[in-house]
N, C-alpha and C. Protein backbone atom coordinates (compact mmCIF):
# COMPACT_ATOMS: atom_id res chain seq x y z
N MET A 1 0.84 -1.19 0.00
CA MET A 1 0.00 0.00 0.00
C MET A 1 0.88 1.25 0.00
N LYS A 2 0.51 2.19 -0.83
CA LYS A 2 1.28 3.43 -0.93
C LYS A 2 1.04 4.32 0.28
N ARG A 3 2.02 5.10 0.60
CA ARG A 3 1.90 6.03 1.72
C ARG A 3 1.03 7.21 1.32
N SER A 4 0.42 7.83 2.29
CA SER A 4 -0.48 8.95 2.03
C SER A 4 0.17 10.26 2.42
N LEU A 5 0.28 11.14 1.44
CA LEU A 5 0.84 12.47 1.69
C LEU A 5 -0.07 13.25 2.63
N ARG A 6 -1.37 13.11 2.45
CA ARG A 6 -2.32 13.80 3.32
C ARG A 6 -2.18 13.34 4.77
N LYS A 7 -2.05 12.02 4.96
CA LYS A 7 -1.89 11.49 6.32
C LYS A 7 -0.59 11.99 6.95
N ALA A 8 0.48 12.01 6.17
CA ALA A 8 1.77 12.49 6.68
C ALA A 8 1.67 13.96 7.09
N ARG A 9 0.97 14.75 6.27
CA ARG A 9 0.81 16.17 6.58
C ARG A 9 0.01 16.36 7.85
N LYS A 10 -1.09 15.60 7.99
CA LYS A 10 -1.94 15.74 9.18
C LYS A 10 -1.25 15.22 10.44
N ASP A 11 -0.43 14.18 10.29
CA ASP A 11 0.31 13.66 11.44
C ASP A 11 1.29 14.69 11.99
N LYS A 12 1.80 15.56 11.12
CA LYS A 12 2.73 16.61 11.54
C LYS A 12 2.01 17.90 11.94
N PHE A 13 0.67 17.89 11.86
CA PHE A 13 -0.16 19.06 12.20
C PHE A 13 0.20 20.27 11.33
N VAL A 14 0.37 20.02 10.04
CA VAL A 14 0.70 21.07 9.08
C VAL A 14 -0.52 21.29 8.19
N THR A 15 -0.89 22.54 7.98
CA THR A 15 -2.02 22.85 7.12
C THR A 15 -1.58 22.82 5.65
N VAL A 16 -2.55 22.75 4.76
CA VAL A 16 -2.26 22.77 3.32
C VAL A 16 -1.54 24.06 2.95
N LYS A 17 -2.01 25.16 3.51
CA LYS A 17 -1.41 26.46 3.19
C LYS A 17 0.05 26.52 3.65
N GLU A 18 0.33 26.03 4.85
CA GLU A 18 1.70 26.04 5.37
C GLU A 18 2.62 25.17 4.51
N LEU A 19 2.11 24.01 4.11
CA LEU A 19 2.91 23.12 3.27
C LEU A 19 3.13 23.73 1.89
N ALA A 20 2.13 24.42 1.38
CA ALA A 20 2.25 25.08 0.08
C ALA A 20 3.33 26.15 0.11
N VAL A 21 3.38 26.92 1.19
CA VAL A 21 4.41 27.95 1.33
C VAL A 21 5.79 27.31 1.41
N ALA A 22 5.90 26.23 2.17
CA ALA A 22 7.19 25.55 2.32
C ALA A 22 7.68 24.94 1.01
N ALA A 23 6.73 24.45 0.18
CA ALA A 23 7.10 23.81 -1.08
C ALA A 23 7.10 24.79 -2.24
N ASP A 24 6.72 26.03 -1.98
CA ASP A 24 6.69 27.08 -2.99
C ASP A 24 5.73 26.75 -4.15
N VAL A 25 4.54 26.22 -3.79
CA VAL A 25 3.47 25.95 -4.74
C VAL A 25 2.16 26.47 -4.16
N SER A 26 1.09 26.41 -4.92
CA SER A 26 -0.21 26.88 -4.43
C SER A 26 -0.87 25.81 -3.56
N PRO A 27 -1.78 26.21 -2.68
CA PRO A 27 -2.51 25.23 -1.88
C PRO A 27 -3.30 24.25 -2.75
N GLN A 28 -3.83 24.72 -3.89
CA GLN A 28 -4.56 23.83 -4.80
C GLN A 28 -3.64 22.73 -5.34
N THR A 29 -2.39 23.06 -5.59
CA THR A 29 -1.43 22.07 -6.07
C THR A 29 -1.20 21.00 -5.02
N ILE A 30 -1.08 21.39 -3.76
CA ILE A 30 -0.92 20.41 -2.67
C ILE A 30 -2.14 19.49 -2.63
N THR A 31 -3.32 20.07 -2.76
CA THR A 31 -4.55 19.27 -2.77
C THR A 31 -4.54 18.29 -3.94
N ASN A 32 -4.06 18.72 -5.10
CA ASN A 32 -3.97 17.83 -6.25
C ASN A 32 -2.98 16.70 -6.01
N TYR A 33 -1.86 16.99 -5.36
CA TYR A 33 -0.89 15.94 -5.02
C TYR A 33 -1.54 14.92 -4.08
N GLU A 34 -2.25 15.42 -3.09
CA GLU A 34 -2.86 14.52 -2.10
C GLU A 34 -3.97 13.67 -2.69
N SER A 35 -4.70 14.21 -3.67
CA SER A 35 -5.79 13.46 -4.27
C SER A 35 -5.32 12.54 -5.39
N GLY A 36 -4.09 12.72 -5.85
CA GLY A 36 -3.55 11.86 -6.90
C GLY A 36 -3.79 12.39 -8.30
N LYS A 37 -4.27 13.62 -8.42
CA LYS A 37 -4.51 14.19 -9.75
C LYS A 37 -3.21 14.47 -10.49
N CYS A 38 -2.17 14.80 -9.76
CA CYS A 38 -0.86 15.03 -10.38
C CYS A 38 0.22 14.71 -9.35
N ASN A 39 1.44 14.66 -9.83
CA ASN A 39 2.59 14.35 -8.97
C ASN A 39 3.55 15.53 -8.93
N PRO A 40 4.25 15.71 -7.82
CA PRO A 40 5.23 16.79 -7.76
C PRO A 40 6.45 16.47 -8.60
N GLY A 41 7.10 17.50 -9.09
CA GLY A 41 8.35 17.33 -9.80
C GLY A 41 9.48 17.06 -8.81
N PRO A 42 10.67 16.79 -9.30
CA PRO A 42 11.80 16.46 -8.41
C PRO A 42 12.12 17.55 -7.38
N ASP A 43 12.12 18.80 -7.81
CA ASP A 43 12.44 19.90 -6.88
C ASP A 43 11.37 20.06 -5.82
N THR A 44 10.11 20.00 -6.25
CA THR A 44 9.00 20.13 -5.31
C THR A 44 8.98 18.95 -4.34
N TRP A 45 9.27 17.75 -4.87
CA TRP A 45 9.30 16.56 -4.00
C TRP A 45 10.35 16.73 -2.91
N LYS A 46 11.52 17.27 -3.25
CA LYS A 46 12.56 17.49 -2.24
C LYS A 46 12.09 18.46 -1.16
N LYS A 47 11.39 19.53 -1.58
CA LYS A 47 10.88 20.51 -0.62
C LYS A 47 9.80 19.90 0.27
N LEU A 48 8.91 19.10 -0.31
CA LEU A 48 7.86 18.43 0.48
C LEU A 48 8.49 17.46 1.49
N LYS A 49 9.45 16.70 0.99
CA LYS A 49 10.13 15.71 1.84
C LYS A 49 10.83 16.39 3.02
N GLN A 50 11.46 17.52 2.74
CA GLN A 50 12.16 18.26 3.79
C GLN A 50 11.16 18.90 4.77
N ALA A 51 10.09 19.49 4.23
CA ALA A 51 9.11 20.18 5.09
C ALA A 51 8.40 19.22 6.04
N LEU A 52 8.12 18.00 5.56
CA LEU A 52 7.39 17.04 6.39
C LEU A 52 8.30 15.99 7.01
N ASN A 53 9.61 16.08 6.74
CA ASN A 53 10.58 15.11 7.25
C ASN A 53 10.16 13.69 6.86
N LEU A 54 9.92 13.49 5.56
CA LEU A 54 9.45 12.21 5.05
C LEU A 54 10.61 11.26 4.79
N LYS A 55 10.35 10.00 4.97
CA LYS A 55 11.33 8.94 4.68
C LYS A 55 10.88 8.21 3.43
N GLY A 56 11.82 7.65 2.71
CA GLY A 56 11.49 6.88 1.52
C GLY A 56 11.66 7.70 0.26
N ASP A 57 11.62 6.98 -0.88
CA ASP A 57 11.79 7.67 -2.16
C ASP A 57 10.44 7.98 -2.79
N PHE A 58 10.50 8.61 -3.94
CA PHE A 58 9.30 9.06 -4.64
C PHE A 58 8.34 7.90 -4.93
N GLU A 59 8.88 6.77 -5.39
CA GLU A 59 8.04 5.64 -5.77
C GLU A 59 7.28 5.03 -4.59
N SER A 60 7.80 5.21 -3.38
CA SER A 60 7.08 4.66 -2.22
C SER A 60 5.91 5.54 -1.81
N TRP A 61 5.85 6.76 -2.35
CA TRP A 61 4.75 7.67 -2.02
C TRP A 61 3.73 7.79 -3.15
N PHE A 62 4.16 7.58 -4.40
CA PHE A 62 3.25 7.72 -5.54
C PHE A 62 3.27 6.45 -6.37
N THR A 63 2.13 6.10 -6.92
CA THR A 63 1.99 4.84 -7.65
C THR A 63 2.72 4.91 -8.99
N PRO A 64 3.24 3.77 -9.46
CA PRO A 64 3.90 3.75 -10.77
C PRO A 64 2.97 4.18 -11.89
N LYS A 65 1.68 3.90 -11.77
CA LYS A 65 0.71 4.31 -12.79
C LYS A 65 0.73 5.83 -12.93
N ASP A 66 0.75 6.53 -11.81
CA ASP A 66 0.79 7.99 -11.84
C ASP A 66 2.10 8.49 -12.42
N VAL A 67 3.18 7.79 -12.13
CA VAL A 67 4.49 8.21 -12.62
C VAL A 67 4.53 8.09 -14.14
N THR A 68 4.02 6.99 -14.71
CA THR A 68 4.05 6.83 -16.16
C THR A 68 3.00 7.69 -16.84
N ARG A 69 1.90 7.99 -16.16
CA ARG A 69 0.84 8.78 -16.77
C ARG A 69 1.37 10.16 -17.15
N TYR A 70 2.28 10.70 -16.37
CA TYR A 70 2.83 12.02 -16.64
C TYR A 70 4.27 11.94 -17.11
N GLY A 71 4.65 10.81 -17.68
CA GLY A 71 6.02 10.61 -18.13
C GLY A 71 6.31 11.28 -19.46
N GLU A 72 7.51 11.07 -19.94
CA GLU A 72 7.94 11.72 -21.18
C GLU A 72 7.14 11.26 -22.39
N LYS A 73 6.65 10.00 -22.38
CA LYS A 73 5.91 9.53 -23.56
C LYS A 73 4.56 10.23 -23.69
N ASP A 74 4.08 10.86 -22.64
CA ASP A 74 2.81 11.57 -22.69
C ASP A 74 3.03 13.06 -22.83
N ARG A 75 3.89 13.43 -23.76
CA ARG A 75 4.16 14.84 -24.03
C ARG A 75 3.82 15.12 -25.49
N CYS A 76 3.58 16.35 -25.79
CA CYS A 76 3.31 16.80 -27.15
C CYS A 76 4.49 16.42 -28.05
N LYS A 77 4.20 16.09 -29.31
CA LYS A 77 5.25 15.69 -30.26
C LYS A 77 6.18 16.83 -30.65
N VAL A 78 5.75 18.06 -30.44
CA VAL A 78 6.57 19.22 -30.82
C VAL A 78 7.75 19.33 -29.86
N PRO A 79 8.98 19.35 -30.37
CA PRO A 79 10.16 19.44 -29.49
C PRO A 79 10.10 20.67 -28.59
N GLY A 80 10.36 20.46 -27.32
CA GLY A 80 10.37 21.55 -26.37
C GLY A 80 9.03 21.80 -25.69
N CYS A 81 7.96 21.26 -26.24
CA CYS A 81 6.63 21.45 -25.64
C CYS A 81 6.42 20.38 -24.58
N LYS A 82 6.03 20.79 -23.38
CA LYS A 82 5.87 19.85 -22.28
C LYS A 82 4.41 19.61 -21.92
N LYS A 83 3.50 20.08 -22.77
CA LYS A 83 2.07 19.91 -22.49
C LYS A 83 1.63 18.49 -22.82
N ARG A 84 0.52 18.08 -22.23
CA ARG A 84 -0.02 16.74 -22.48
C ARG A 84 -0.75 16.71 -23.80
N PRO A 85 -0.60 15.62 -24.56
CA PRO A 85 -1.25 15.54 -25.87
C PRO A 85 -2.75 15.29 -25.76
N THR A 86 -3.48 15.81 -26.74
CA THR A 86 -4.92 15.56 -26.79
C THR A 86 -5.31 14.89 -28.09
N ALA A 87 -4.74 15.31 -29.21
CA ALA A 87 -5.13 14.77 -30.50
C ALA A 87 -3.90 14.45 -31.33
N ARG A 88 -3.83 13.25 -31.84
CA ARG A 88 -2.74 12.80 -32.72
C ARG A 88 -1.36 13.05 -32.13
N GLY A 89 -1.25 13.03 -30.82
CA GLY A 89 0.04 13.21 -30.15
C GLY A 89 0.46 14.64 -29.93
N PHE A 90 -0.41 15.60 -30.27
CA PHE A 90 -0.08 17.01 -30.09
C PHE A 90 -0.93 17.61 -28.97
N CYS A 91 -0.41 18.63 -28.32
CA CYS A 91 -1.22 19.36 -27.35
C CYS A 91 -2.28 20.14 -28.12
N PHE A 92 -3.26 20.64 -27.42
CA PHE A 92 -4.38 21.31 -28.08
C PHE A 92 -3.92 22.50 -28.92
N GLY A 93 -3.02 23.31 -28.38
CA GLY A 93 -2.55 24.50 -29.09
C GLY A 93 -1.86 24.16 -30.40
N HIS A 94 -0.95 23.17 -30.38
CA HIS A 94 -0.24 22.81 -31.60
C HIS A 94 -1.17 22.12 -32.60
N TYR A 95 -2.11 21.32 -32.11
CA TYR A 95 -3.06 20.67 -33.02
C TYR A 95 -3.96 21.72 -33.68
N LEU A 96 -4.39 22.70 -32.90
CA LEU A 96 -5.24 23.76 -33.44
C LEU A 96 -4.50 24.57 -34.51
N ASN A 97 -3.23 24.87 -34.27
CA ASN A 97 -2.42 25.57 -35.27
C ASN A 97 -2.27 24.75 -36.54
N ALA A 98 -2.04 23.44 -36.39
CA ALA A 98 -1.93 22.56 -37.56
C ALA A 98 -3.25 22.51 -38.32
N TRP A 99 -4.35 22.48 -37.61
CA TRP A 99 -5.67 22.46 -38.24
C TRP A 99 -5.90 23.75 -39.03
N ARG A 100 -5.52 24.87 -38.46
CA ARG A 100 -5.70 26.15 -39.15
C ARG A 100 -4.84 26.22 -40.42
N ARG A 101 -3.59 25.72 -40.34
CA ARG A 101 -2.73 25.69 -41.53
C ARG A 101 -3.32 24.78 -42.60
N ALA A 102 -3.83 23.63 -42.19
CA ALA A 102 -4.45 22.69 -43.13
C ALA A 102 -5.69 23.30 -43.77
N LYS A 103 -6.43 24.04 -42.99
CA LYS A 103 -7.63 24.69 -43.52
C LYS A 103 -7.26 25.72 -44.59
N ARG A 104 -6.20 26.50 -44.34
CA ARG A 104 -5.73 27.47 -45.34
C ARG A 104 -5.25 26.77 -46.61
N LEU A 105 -4.49 25.65 -46.45
CA LEU A 105 -4.02 24.90 -47.60
C LEU A 105 -5.17 24.32 -48.41
N ALA A 106 -6.17 23.80 -47.71
CA ALA A 106 -7.33 23.22 -48.39
C ALA A 106 -8.09 24.29 -49.16
N LYS A 107 -8.20 25.46 -48.59
CA LYS A 107 -8.90 26.56 -49.27
C LYS A 107 -8.10 27.04 -50.49
N LYS A 108 -6.79 27.10 -50.34
CA LYS A 108 -5.92 27.59 -51.41
C LYS A 108 -5.82 26.57 -52.56
N ASN A 109 -5.60 25.31 -52.22
CA ASN A 109 -5.35 24.28 -53.23
C ASN A 109 -6.56 23.43 -53.58
N GLY A 110 -7.62 23.59 -52.82
CA GLY A 110 -8.79 22.74 -53.02
C GLY A 110 -8.61 21.40 -52.32
N GLY A 111 -9.69 20.79 -51.98
CA GLY A 111 -9.62 19.50 -51.31
C GLY A 111 -10.17 19.57 -49.90
N ASN A 112 -9.97 18.49 -49.18
CA ASN A 112 -10.49 18.35 -47.83
C ASN A 112 -9.42 18.73 -46.81
N VAL A 113 -9.83 19.31 -45.72
CA VAL A 113 -8.89 19.71 -44.66
C VAL A 113 -8.12 18.50 -44.13
N VAL A 114 -8.80 17.37 -44.00
CA VAL A 114 -8.18 16.17 -43.45
C VAL A 114 -7.00 15.70 -44.32
N ASP A 115 -7.07 15.97 -45.63
CA ASP A 115 -5.97 15.59 -46.53
C ASP A 115 -4.70 16.35 -46.21
N TYR A 116 -4.83 17.55 -45.68
CA TYR A 116 -3.69 18.42 -45.43
C TYR A 116 -3.23 18.43 -43.98
N ILE A 117 -3.96 17.80 -43.09
CA ILE A 117 -3.64 17.90 -41.66
C ILE A 117 -2.27 17.30 -41.35
N GLU A 118 -1.87 16.24 -42.04
CA GLU A 118 -0.56 15.63 -41.79
C GLU A 118 0.58 16.52 -42.30
N GLU A 119 0.34 17.26 -43.38
CA GLU A 119 1.36 18.14 -43.93
C GLU A 119 1.58 19.38 -43.08
N ALA A 120 0.53 19.84 -42.43
CA ALA A 120 0.59 21.11 -41.69
C ALA A 120 1.34 20.99 -40.41
């Protein structure tokens, strides 16, 4: 069974706001960590570990499923973009830009937008 960040925080009598200040993140981010919606990055994890005097490594606190869910393979295909992909491996912003370029090409050259989406 994985350890609970919320339980560790409550055992130390630390509020969400106090922990957020210590980790240099927002209170909502701490709540997301505790609920499992997202995981802290390496720097934030070090700050949390220090603030709560936690023992163990990252994997003993967060499930491997969560670790792979936000891993490198779940990033936008555009180099340097760290957003999560939504369509065809691209983040929403890059996919929308590609769609707009394809739409312009389809209008200029004739044809269907879908024919040009891979080129854009």
